[in-house]
Amino acid sequence: MTETAHDIRLKRLRFQSWHRGFREMDLILGAFADDRLAGLSAEDLTLYQSLLDVPDWDIYGWLTQTKPVPPEWDNALLHLILDHVRQRPRP
């Protein structure tokens, strides 16, 4: 079976989500990627790809609500990730 460009993109984004270098962010973004990336639009995947360039400590602060979310990142995608974090069962 031949992989499509979309399949390869999803694999790359999942890999990047699970290999952030900050374990908490690996768990948060990796789980989100596994559960939700396949259902995102092309525009949201592009936005997610841009989010992966943001430093982990910034994203972590936004998701734990210890840092204010800058207006440029206060969007539906970040809220989807935040909702995902809130809904995941804790170990």
C-alpha atoms as a PDB file:
ATOM      1  CA  MET A   1       0.000   0.000   0.000  1.00  0.00           C
ATOM      2  CA  THR A   2       1.333   3.411  -0.965  1.00  0.00           C
ATOM      3  CA  GLU A   3       1.267   6.135   1.654  1.00  0.00           C
ATOM      4  CA  THR A   4      -0.266   9.429   0.660  1.00  0.00           C
ATOM      5  CA  ALA A   5       1.330  12.789   1.389  1.00  0.00           C
ATOM      6  CA  HIS A   6      -1.383  13.282   4.018  1.00  0.00           C
ATOM      7  CA  ASP A   7      -0.456   9.987   5.754  1.00  0.00           C
ATOM      8  CA  ILE A   8       3.207  10.938   5.793  1.00  0.00           C
ATOM      9  CA  ARG A   9       2.359  14.381   7.183  1.00  0.00           C
ATOM     10  CA  LEU A  10       0.310  12.825  10.003  1.00  0.00           C
ATOM     11  CA  LYS A  11       3.141  10.414  10.863  1.00  0.00           C
ATOM     12  CA  ARG A  12       5.650  13.258  10.949  1.00  0.00           C
ATOM     13  CA  LEU A  13       3.400  15.399  13.168  1.00  0.00           C
ATOM     14  CA  ARG A  14       2.758  12.469  15.524  1.00  0.00           C
ATOM     15  CA  PHE A  15       6.484  11.789  15.795  1.00  0.00           C
ATOM     16  CA  GLN A  16       7.205  15.463  16.524  1.00  0.00           C
ATOM     17  CA  SER A  17       4.400  15.504  19.098  1.00  0.00           C
ATOM     18  CA  TRP A  18       5.827  12.527  20.981  1.00  0.00           C
ATOM     19  CA  HIS A  19       9.461  13.726  20.819  1.00  0.00           C
ATOM     20  CA  ARG A  20       9.352  17.246  22.219  1.00  0.00           C
ATOM     21  CA  GLY A  21      12.170  16.834  24.737  1.00  0.00           C
ATOM     22  CA  PHE A  22       9.941  17.791  27.678  1.00  0.00           C
ATOM     23  CA  ARG A  23       8.159  14.676  28.919  1.00  0.00           C
ATOM     24  CA  GLU A  24       4.967  16.429  30.019  1.00  0.00           C
ATOM     25  CA  MET A  25       4.571  17.957  26.575  1.00  0.00           C
ATOM     26  CA  ASP A  26       5.340  14.604  24.941  1.00  0.00           C
ATOM     27  CA  LEU A  27       2.434  13.118  26.869  1.00  0.00           C
ATOM     28  CA  ILE A  28       0.059  16.003  26.197  1.00  0.00           C
ATOM     29  CA  LEU A  29       0.758  16.613  22.521  1.00  0.00           C
ATOM     30  CA  GLY A  30       1.498  12.972  21.732  1.00  0.00           C
ATOM     31  CA  ALA A  31      -1.829  11.826  23.127  1.00  0.00           C
ATOM     32  CA  PHE A  32      -3.614  14.660  21.327  1.00  0.00           C
ATOM     33  CA  ALA A  33      -1.901  13.733  18.066  1.00  0.00           C
ATOM     34  CA  ASP A  34      -2.847  10.071  18.432  1.00  0.00           C
ATOM     35  CA  ASP A  35      -6.456  10.873  19.230  1.00  0.00           C
ATOM     36  CA  ARG A  36      -7.252  13.912  17.120  1.00  0.00           C
ATOM     37  CA  LEU A  37      -4.826  14.703  14.291  1.00  0.00           C
ATOM     38  CA  ALA A  38      -6.519  12.477  11.718  1.00  0.00           C
ATOM     39  CA  GLY A  39      -9.741  14.453  12.143  1.00  0.00           C
ATOM     40  CA  LEU A  40      -8.214  17.915  11.705  1.00  0.00           C
ATOM     41  CA  SER A  41      -8.626  19.964   8.548  1.00  0.00           C
ATOM     42  CA  ALA A  42      -5.615  20.810   6.382  1.00  0.00           C
ATOM     43  CA  GLU A  43      -5.677  24.358   7.795  1.00  0.00           C
ATOM     44  CA  ASP A  44      -5.690  23.075  11.375  1.00  0.00           C
ATOM     45  CA  LEU A  45      -2.828  20.677  10.588  1.00  0.00           C
ATOM     46  CA  THR A  46      -0.814  23.625   9.289  1.00  0.00           C
ATOM     47  CA  LEU A  47      -1.624  25.579  12.444  1.00  0.00           C
ATOM     48  CA  TYR A  48      -0.684  22.562  14.592  1.00  0.00           C
ATOM     49  CA  GLN A  49       2.591  22.276  12.711  1.00  0.00           C
ATOM     50  CA  SER A  50       3.280  25.932  13.564  1.00  0.00           C
ATOM     51  CA  LEU A  51       2.386  25.269  17.199  1.00  0.00           C
ATOM     52  CA  LEU A  52       5.095  22.605  17.327  1.00  0.00           C
ATOM     53  CA  ASP A  53       7.630  25.390  16.707  1.00  0.00           C
ATOM     54  CA  VAL A  54       6.544  27.202  19.889  1.00  0.00           C
ATOM     55  CA  PRO A  55       8.757  26.489  22.932  1.00  0.00           C
ATOM     56  CA  ASP A  56       7.397  23.739  25.186  1.00  0.00           C
ATOM     57  CA  TRP A  57       7.348  25.931  28.277  1.00  0.00           C
ATOM     58  CA  ASP A  58       5.077  28.445  26.568  1.00  0.00           C
ATOM     59  CA  ILE A  59       2.586  25.813  25.402  1.00  0.00           C
ATOM     60  CA  TYR A  60       2.713  24.079  28.776  1.00  0.00           C
ATOM     61  CA  GLY A  61       1.993  27.359  30.531  1.00  0.00           C
ATOM     62  CA  TRP A  62      -0.989  28.016  28.281  1.00  0.00           C
ATOM     63  CA  LEU A  63      -2.405  24.528  28.770  1.00  0.00           C
ATOM     64  CA  THR A  64      -1.930  24.584  32.540  1.00  0.00           C
ATOM     65  CA  GLN A  65      -3.273  28.137  32.598  1.00  0.00           C
ATOM     66  CA  THR A  66      -0.191  29.464  34.390  1.00  0.00           C
ATOM     67  CA  LYS A  67       0.692  31.765  31.466  1.00  0.00           C
ATOM     68  CA  PRO A  68      -1.694  33.913  29.451  1.00  0.00           C
ATOM     69  CA  VAL A  69      -2.330  32.740  25.922  1.00  0.00           C
ATOM     70  CA  PRO A  70      -1.142  35.345  23.410  1.00  0.00           C
ATOM     71  CA  PRO A  71      -3.916  36.583  21.108  1.00  0.00           C
ATOM     72  CA  GLU A  72      -2.335  34.938  18.065  1.00  0.00           C
ATOM     73  CA  TRP A  73      -2.629  31.517  19.741  1.00  0.00           C
ATOM     74  CA  ASP A  74      -6.026  32.015  21.357  1.00  0.00           C
ATOM     75  CA  ASN A  75      -7.776  29.966  18.699  1.00  0.00           C
ATOM     76  CA  ALA A  76     -10.022  26.948  18.229  1.00  0.00           C
ATOM     77  CA  LEU A  77      -7.083  24.551  17.844  1.00  0.00           C
ATOM     78  CA  LEU A  78      -5.509  25.487  21.170  1.00  0.00           C
ATOM     79  CA  HIS A  79      -8.919  25.217  22.841  1.00  0.00           C
ATOM     80  CA  LEU A  80      -9.355  21.771  21.274  1.00  0.00           C
ATOM     81  CA  ILE A  81      -6.023  20.697  22.771  1.00  0.00           C
ATOM     82  CA  LEU A  82      -7.009  22.194  26.131  1.00  0.00           C
ATOM     83  CA  ASP A  83     -10.335  20.329  26.053  1.00  0.00           C
ATOM     84  CA  HIS A  84      -8.468  17.140  25.206  1.00  0.00           C
ATOM     85  CA  VAL A  85      -6.192  17.629  28.223  1.00  0.00           C
ATOM     86  CA  ARG A  86      -9.189  18.191  30.500  1.00  0.00           C
ATOM     87  CA  GLN A  87     -11.036  15.120  29.208  1.00  0.00           C
ATOM     88  CA  ARG A  88      -8.191  12.582  29.366  1.00  0.00           C
ATOM     89  CA  PRO A  89      -8.298  10.276  32.345  1.00  0.00           C
ATOM     90  CA  ARG A  90      -5.439  10.651  34.772  1.00  0.00           C
ATOM     91  CA  PRO A  91      -3.234   7.627  35.525  1.00  0.00           C
END
